[in-house]
Amino acid sequence: MTYRAEILGHLEALVGFDTCNPPRAFDETGLFAYLKQSLPRFEHTLWNHGEGRISLLSVRGNPDLLFNFHVDTVPVNEDWTHNPFVLSVSNERATGLGACDIKGAAACMLTAAAHSAGDVALLFTSDEEAGNSHCINTYLAQPHGFQQVVVAEPTQSRIVRAHRGIVTASVSFKGAAGHASSQQQVGDSALHQAVHFSHRALRWADEQQSRTYQNLMGVRFNLGTLNGGIKPNMIAPSAELKFGLRTLPGDDQSELVRHFETLAGDYPRAMLTPGFIAPSLTATSDDLVARLDGPVGEAVDFWTEAALFAKAGCDVVVWGPGDIAQAHTADEWVDCGELEVMTEHYERILNHGAA
């Protein structure tokens, strides 16, 4: 079997397991059983935290560097042109749900581990895409002994030392139900309140674009969902809006939440509820970067659980195959050549005893 065939064989198997999150309807069988089977001579420790939140720590030897891979994916969207759980390889692209984010990286490591004998520790988790990072937070709350960590999110195989933080929140609005023909007062419709809030938030986000951190500019703001109302001829009595924000390193996230509360301040019954809030990743030490000895990239716009390792005191970088632009898309793909390059990096580190 060729090197590439081995990587794609693992990726085909991993893509074939439905690990969509939500609904996170899986357990320690299936994909986790495959991981253990594919890592012979490793010592495995599995934690099932319930609700599909599973962590598997696989250790060979006595390593001091930890690699982290999340194995859950986003749900399937309706624009997929073929079965997302069947890997398709064409024109140097391996296409399948999670191929880029980040089952491709896991396939690389399974291959590298089989071609090396060095010490290595691998932490696989399942609640990154739509959870509260329970797996990572629980792992970090216990003594684990690792001071250096690689989180294998897609960075086009470049070592990334900094990225944005994340804030999500929901805002509920209350109106007064009535006939749509009535003369409405400001704030009678909960949906009108939500739209007004949205305009203010988008204008604020535009005003942030002059702020910078290294190569990052402004904030990334996204209105995720807006639900409410009953029918066109009724004034909407309730509405709920959910939004997400990718903050710059150094931003005061609590202050940003308070700012969004003021944007809804015209409506006394509006209530903002913070969701998932996690810090940014700021530049890590040169020691880990030198140890890995790979190409170094710029700070990235997305958030990863690397920030949680950093918050816990670890030296951490983000480093994996694939382009984040392909993640969460229909027909998600990863470049086959890049998978080979990343596997070579992993194997080099393991064979040199650096892990």
Protein backbone atom coordinates (compact mmCIF):
# COMPACT_ATOMS: atom_id res chain seq x y z
CA MET A 1 0.00 0.00 0.00
CA THR A 2 1.38 3.42 -0.91
CA TYR A 3 1.81 6.19 1.61
CA ARG A 4 -1.10 8.15 0.10
CA ALA A 5 -3.34 5.11 -0.05
CA GLU A 6 -2.77 4.50 3.64
CA ILE A 7 -3.72 8.07 4.56
CA LEU A 8 -6.81 8.01 2.35
CA GLY A 9 -7.79 4.61 3.71
CA HIS A 10 -7.88 6.02 7.23
CA LEU A 11 -9.69 9.15 6.03
CA GLU A 12 -12.28 7.07 4.19
CA ALA A 13 -12.96 5.13 7.38
CA LEU A 14 -13.15 8.26 9.56
CA VAL A 15 -15.46 10.10 7.15
CA GLY A 16 -17.70 7.03 7.09
CA PHE A 17 -18.58 7.47 10.76
CA ASP A 18 -21.43 9.95 11.30
CA THR A 19 -20.09 12.26 14.02
CA CYS A 20 -22.28 15.28 13.26
CA ASN A 21 -22.53 17.75 16.11
CA PRO A 22 -25.31 18.44 16.70
CA PRO A 23 -26.89 15.98 17.35
CA ARG A 24 -23.71 14.27 18.65
CA ALA A 25 -25.54 10.93 18.59
CA PHE A 26 -22.58 8.62 18.99
CA ASP A 27 -20.67 6.81 21.71
CA GLU A 28 -17.34 5.07 22.32
CA THR A 29 -18.04 2.46 19.63
CA GLY A 30 -17.71 3.30 15.93
CA LEU A 31 -15.05 5.93 15.32
CA PHE A 32 -13.45 5.66 18.74
CA ALA A 33 -13.18 1.88 18.42
CA TYR A 34 -11.56 2.41 15.02
CA LEU A 35 -9.00 4.81 16.49
CA LYS A 36 -8.00 2.29 19.16
CA GLN A 37 -7.79 -0.48 16.59
CA SER A 38 -5.59 1.71 14.37
CA LEU A 39 -3.19 2.51 17.21
CA PRO A 40 -1.83 -0.86 18.40
CA ARG A 41 0.77 -0.81 21.13
CA PHE A 42 -0.76 2.38 22.53
CA GLU A 43 -2.22 2.68 26.00
CA HIS A 44 -5.77 4.02 25.68
CA THR A 45 -7.81 5.93 28.26
CA LEU A 46 -11.38 6.82 27.33
CA TRP A 47 -13.77 9.14 29.14
CA ASN A 48 -17.47 9.15 28.20
CA HIS A 49 -18.87 12.40 29.59
CA GLY A 50 -22.38 11.70 28.25
CA GLU A 51 -24.36 13.42 25.49
CA GLY A 52 -21.85 12.28 22.88
CA ARG A 53 -18.95 14.02 24.62
CA ILE A 54 -16.08 11.55 24.50
CA SER A 55 -12.34 11.93 25.02
CA LEU A 56 -9.75 9.31 24.08
CA LEU A 57 -6.13 9.69 25.18
CA SER A 58 -3.79 7.33 23.32
CA VAL A 59 -0.20 7.22 24.55
CA ARG A 60 2.88 5.38 23.33
CA GLY A 61 6.01 5.56 25.44
CA ASN A 62 6.69 8.56 27.66
CA PRO A 63 5.94 11.66 25.56
CA ASP A 64 5.97 15.29 26.70
CA LEU A 65 4.20 16.75 23.65
CA LEU A 66 0.45 16.31 23.12
CA PHE A 67 -1.40 16.36 19.78
CA ASN A 68 -5.13 17.16 19.87
CA PHE A 69 -7.73 16.24 17.23
CA HIS A 70 -11.48 16.82 17.46
CA VAL A 71 -13.40 14.17 15.54
CA ASP A 72 -16.89 15.68 15.46
CA THR A 73 -18.14 17.56 12.40
CA VAL A 74 -20.74 20.17 11.62
CA PRO A 75 -24.12 18.84 10.39
CA VAL A 76 -24.71 18.08 6.72
CA ASN A 77 -26.10 20.98 4.74
CA GLU A 78 -28.49 20.57 1.84
CA ASP A 79 -26.00 21.69 -0.82
CA TRP A 80 -23.86 18.55 -0.73
CA THR A 81 -23.73 17.00 -4.20
CA HIS A 82 -23.01 13.45 -3.02
CA ASN A 83 -23.11 11.33 0.10
CA PRO A 84 -21.00 13.30 2.64
CA PHE A 85 -20.14 10.10 4.52
CA VAL A 86 -18.49 8.49 1.48
CA LEU A 87 -15.01 9.80 0.70
CA SER A 88 -14.55 10.85 -2.92
CA VAL A 89 -11.06 11.40 -4.36
CA SER A 90 -10.67 13.30 -7.61
CA ASN A 91 -8.29 15.91 -9.03
CA GLU A 92 -6.07 15.77 -5.92
CA ARG A 93 -9.06 16.51 -3.68
CA ALA A 94 -10.34 14.19 -0.97
CA THR A 95 -13.97 15.19 -0.43
CA GLY A 96 -16.11 14.16 2.53
CA LEU A 97 -17.68 15.60 5.67
CA GLY A 98 -14.87 16.45 8.07
CA ALA A 99 -12.10 15.75 5.53
CA CYS A 100 -10.68 19.22 6.18
CA ASP A 101 -12.00 19.89 9.68
CA ILE A 102 -10.24 17.80 10.98
CA LYS A 103 -10.47 14.10 10.19
CA GLY A 104 -7.78 14.62 7.53
CA ALA A 105 -5.29 15.56 10.23
CA ALA A 106 -6.30 12.53 12.28
CA ALA A 107 -5.74 10.28 9.22
CA CYS A 108 -2.27 11.80 8.81
CA MET A 109 -1.38 11.04 12.41
CA LEU A 110 -2.68 7.47 12.29
CA THR A 111 -0.45 6.91 9.26
CA ALA A 112 2.56 8.63 10.84
CA ALA A 113 2.17 6.62 14.05
CA ALA A 114 2.22 3.37 12.07
CA HIS A 115 5.46 4.37 10.34
CA SER A 116 7.30 5.44 13.48
CA ALA A 117 8.20 4.05 16.86
CA GLY A 118 8.70 7.25 18.84
CA ASP A 119 6.85 8.37 21.92
CA VAL A 120 3.61 10.23 21.22
CA ALA A 121 0.41 11.28 22.97
CA LEU A 122 -2.84 11.83 21.06
CA LEU A 123 -6.02 13.33 22.52
CA PHE A 124 -9.19 12.81 20.43
CA THR A 125 -12.34 14.69 21.48
CA SER A 126 -15.88 15.00 20.17
CA ASP A 127 -17.54 18.25 21.24
CA GLU A 128 -15.68 21.05 19.51
CA GLU A 129 -18.21 21.96 16.82
CA ALA A 130 -21.30 22.67 18.89
CA GLY A 131 -20.64 22.23 22.53
CA ASN A 132 -18.89 24.09 25.26
CA SER A 133 -15.50 22.36 24.95
CA HIS A 134 -16.45 20.13 27.86
CA CYS A 135 -13.95 17.47 26.79
CA ILE A 136 -10.95 19.80 26.71
CA ASN A 137 -11.95 21.74 29.81
CA THR A 138 -12.43 18.51 31.76
CA TYR A 139 -9.11 17.14 30.57
CA LEU A 140 -7.30 20.34 31.53
CA ALA A 141 -8.91 20.36 34.97
CA GLN A 142 -6.98 17.23 35.91
CA PRO A 143 -3.21 16.71 36.17
CA HIS A 144 -1.99 15.71 32.71
CA GLY A 145 1.74 16.53 32.61
CA PHE A 146 1.87 18.10 29.15
CA GLN A 147 3.32 21.59 28.77
CA GLN A 148 3.48 21.67 24.96
CA VAL A 149 0.49 21.01 22.71
CA VAL A 150 -0.30 20.94 18.98
CA VAL A 151 -3.97 21.43 18.01
CA ALA A 152 -4.44 20.03 14.51
CA GLU A 153 -6.96 22.48 13.03
CA PRO A 154 -6.53 23.37 9.33
CA THR A 155 -3.77 25.93 8.84
CA GLN A 156 -2.58 24.89 5.38
CA SER A 157 0.16 22.95 7.17
CA ARG A 158 1.70 26.09 8.66
CA ILE A 159 2.41 26.52 12.35
CA VAL A 160 0.06 29.20 13.69
CA ARG A 161 0.81 30.95 16.97
CA ALA A 162 -2.13 33.34 17.35
CA HIS A 163 -5.83 33.52 16.53
CA ARG A 164 -9.03 35.30 17.48
CA GLY A 165 -11.23 34.76 20.52
CA ILE A 166 -14.92 33.89 20.34
CA VAL A 167 -18.13 35.25 21.84
CA THR A 168 -21.62 33.91 21.12
CA ALA A 169 -24.87 35.20 22.58
CA SER A 170 -28.61 35.24 22.09
CA VAL A 171 -30.98 38.17 22.54
CA SER A 172 -34.67 37.65 23.24
CA PHE A 173 -37.14 40.41 22.41
CA LYS A 174 -40.71 40.82 23.66
CA GLY A 175 -43.42 42.71 21.80
CA ALA A 176 -47.19 43.06 22.01
CA ALA A 177 -49.32 40.84 19.77
CA GLY A 178 -51.87 42.70 17.67
CA HIS A 179 -53.43 43.09 14.26
CA ALA A 180 -50.91 44.04 11.59
CA SER A 181 -53.16 46.88 10.40
CA SER A 182 -52.77 48.68 13.74
CA GLN A 183 -50.69 51.83 14.03
CA GLN A 184 -47.57 50.45 15.66
CA GLN A 185 -45.44 52.19 18.25
CA VAL A 186 -41.69 51.77 18.34
CA GLY A 187 -40.98 48.41 19.89
CA ASP A 188 -44.46 46.90 19.57
CA SER A 189 -43.09 44.19 17.29
CA ALA A 190 -40.42 41.91 18.72
CA LEU A 191 -39.16 41.26 15.20
CA HIS A 192 -38.80 44.99 14.51
CA GLN A 193 -36.74 45.27 17.70
CA ALA A 194 -34.49 42.42 16.55
CA VAL A 195 -33.98 44.00 13.14
CA HIS A 196 -33.19 47.37 14.76
CA PHE A 197 -30.66 45.67 17.05
CA SER A 198 -29.14 43.92 14.04
CA HIS A 199 -28.63 47.20 12.18
CA ARG A 200 -26.86 48.67 15.19
CA ALA A 201 -24.66 45.61 15.64
CA LEU A 202 -23.63 45.50 11.98
CA ARG A 203 -22.82 49.21 12.01
CA TRP A 204 -20.69 48.71 15.14
CA ALA A 205 -18.84 45.82 13.48
CA ASP A 206 -18.09 47.98 10.44
CA GLU A 207 -16.66 50.66 12.74
CA GLN A 208 -14.17 48.16 14.20
CA GLN A 209 -12.38 47.45 10.94
CA SER A 210 -9.57 49.93 11.60
CA ARG A 211 -8.44 48.01 14.69
CA THR A 212 -5.66 45.48 14.11
CA TYR A 213 -3.60 42.70 15.71
CA GLN A 214 -0.63 41.67 13.60
CA ASN A 215 -2.23 40.75 10.24
CA LEU A 216 -5.78 40.56 11.66
CA MET A 217 -8.15 43.47 11.03
CA GLY A 218 -11.35 44.42 12.84
CA VAL A 219 -13.78 41.90 14.27
CA ARG A 220 -15.73 39.13 12.60
CA PHE A 221 -19.44 39.49 13.35
CA ASN A 222 -22.14 37.08 12.22
CA LEU A 223 -25.90 37.11 12.68
CA GLY A 224 -26.53 33.38 12.93
CA THR A 225 -30.27 32.93 13.36
CA LEU A 226 -33.38 35.08 13.77
CA ASN A 227 -36.61 33.42 14.79
CA GLY A 228 -39.90 34.91 15.87
CA GLY A 229 -43.34 36.08 14.96
CA ILE A 230 -46.37 34.04 14.03
CA LYS A 231 -47.74 35.20 10.67
CA PRO A 232 -47.71 38.24 8.36
CA ASN A 233 -50.94 39.73 9.69
CA MET A 234 -49.90 39.61 13.34
CA ILE A 235 -47.51 41.88 15.21
CA ALA A 236 -44.72 39.62 16.47
CA PRO A 237 -44.97 39.06 20.25
CA SER A 238 -41.55 37.44 20.56
CA ALA A 239 -38.30 36.95 18.70
CA GLU A 240 -34.86 35.56 19.37
CA LEU A 241 -31.63 36.44 17.61
CA LYS A 242 -28.34 34.55 17.93
CA PHE A 243 -25.01 36.02 16.92
CA GLY A 244 -21.33 35.22 17.00
CA LEU A 245 -18.26 37.39 17.26
CA ARG A 246 -14.61 36.62 16.60
CA THR A 247 -12.62 39.08 18.69
CA LEU A 248 -9.11 40.37 18.26
CA PRO A 249 -6.41 39.14 20.67
CA GLY A 250 -6.40 41.59 23.56
CA ASP A 251 -10.09 42.49 23.35
CA ASP A 252 -11.98 42.65 26.65
CA GLN A 253 -14.73 40.13 25.91
CA SER A 254 -16.80 41.00 29.00
CA GLU A 255 -16.81 44.62 27.90
CA LEU A 256 -17.96 43.61 24.43
CA VAL A 257 -20.88 41.66 25.91
CA ARG A 258 -21.87 44.70 27.93
CA HIS A 259 -21.70 46.81 24.76
CA PHE A 260 -24.16 44.52 22.99
CA GLU A 261 -26.47 44.78 25.99
CA THR A 262 -26.52 48.55 25.49
CA LEU A 263 -27.43 48.07 21.81
CA ALA A 264 -30.64 46.39 22.99
CA GLY A 265 -31.15 48.98 25.71
CA ASP A 266 -34.07 50.75 24.00
CA TYR A 267 -36.23 47.74 24.75
CA PRO A 268 -36.62 47.13 28.51
CA ARG A 269 -37.81 43.56 28.09
CA ALA A 270 -34.95 42.54 25.77
CA MET A 271 -32.56 40.11 27.41
CA LEU A 272 -29.08 39.18 26.24
CA THR A 273 -27.81 35.77 27.31
CA PRO A 274 -24.10 35.07 26.80
CA GLY A 275 -23.30 31.76 25.14
CA PHE A 276 -19.86 30.35 24.49
CA ILE A 277 -17.06 32.76 25.37
CA ALA A 278 -13.43 31.74 25.03
CA PRO A 279 -10.19 33.69 24.84
CA SER A 280 -7.96 34.31 21.87
CA LEU A 281 -4.59 32.64 21.31
CA THR A 282 -1.68 35.05 21.51
CA ALA A 283 1.83 34.37 20.32
CA THR A 284 3.36 31.24 21.83
CA SER A 285 6.99 30.81 22.80
CA ASP A 286 9.71 30.26 20.26
CA ASP A 287 10.73 26.99 21.95
CA LEU A 288 7.77 24.95 20.69
CA VAL A 289 7.98 26.44 17.19
CA ALA A 290 11.69 25.61 17.03
CA ARG A 291 11.04 22.09 18.29
CA LEU A 292 8.46 21.39 15.58
CA ASP A 293 10.71 22.90 12.88
CA GLY A 294 7.95 23.48 10.32
CA PRO A 295 6.79 26.41 8.18
CA VAL A 296 5.30 29.24 10.26
CA GLY A 297 2.16 31.10 9.22
CA GLU A 298 0.41 34.30 10.24
CA ALA A 299 -2.32 34.71 12.85
CA VAL A 300 -5.69 33.34 11.68
CA ASP A 301 -9.24 34.63 11.88
CA PHE A 302 -10.88 31.55 13.37
CA TRP A 303 -10.97 30.25 16.93
CA THR A 304 -9.66 26.90 18.17
CA GLU A 305 -9.43 25.03 21.44
CA ALA A 306 -5.73 25.87 21.45
CA ALA A 307 -6.76 28.97 23.38
CA LEU A 308 -8.06 26.76 26.20
CA PHE A 309 -4.72 24.95 26.45
CA ALA A 310 -2.95 28.33 26.50
CA LYS A 311 -5.27 29.62 29.21
CA ALA A 312 -4.35 26.55 31.27
CA GLY A 313 -0.66 27.46 31.00
CA CYS A 314 0.43 25.25 28.10
CA ASP A 315 2.63 26.33 25.24
CA VAL A 316 0.46 25.61 22.20
CA VAL A 317 0.30 26.07 18.44
CA VAL A 318 -2.27 25.25 15.77
CA TRP A 319 -0.94 23.07 12.95
CA GLY A 320 -2.82 20.87 10.53
CA PRO A 321 -3.58 20.19 6.86
CA GLY A 322 -6.34 21.91 4.92
CA ASP A 323 -7.67 25.41 4.37
CA ILE A 324 -10.25 26.77 6.80
CA ALA A 325 -12.06 28.17 3.74
CA GLN A 326 -13.08 24.57 2.96
CA ALA A 327 -14.32 23.80 6.46
CA HIS A 328 -18.08 23.76 7.14
CA THR A 329 -18.83 23.93 3.40
CA ALA A 330 -20.82 21.64 1.14
CA ASP A 331 -18.45 19.19 -0.58
CA GLU A 332 -15.75 19.92 2.02
CA TRP A 333 -12.37 18.80 0.74
CA VAL A 334 -8.69 18.64 1.58
CA ASP A 335 -5.75 18.53 -0.80
CA CYS A 336 -4.22 15.04 -1.07
CA GLY A 337 -0.69 16.39 -1.48
CA GLU A 338 -1.06 18.45 1.65
CA LEU A 339 -2.13 15.36 3.60
CA GLU A 340 1.11 13.69 2.54
CA VAL A 341 3.20 16.70 3.55
CA MET A 342 1.55 16.89 6.97
CA THR A 343 2.06 13.17 7.52
CA GLU A 344 5.75 13.58 6.75
CA HIS A 345 5.98 16.34 9.35
CA TYR A 346 4.23 14.20 11.98
CA GLU A 347 6.39 11.16 11.17
CA ARG A 348 9.58 13.25 11.31
CA ILE A 349 8.68 14.55 14.76
CA LEU A 350 7.78 11.10 16.06
CA ASN A 351 10.83 9.38 14.57
CA HIS A 352 13.19 11.94 16.02
CA GLY A 353 11.76 11.36 19.44
CA ALA A 354 10.63 14.99 19.59
CA ALA A 355 7.11 14.14 20.65
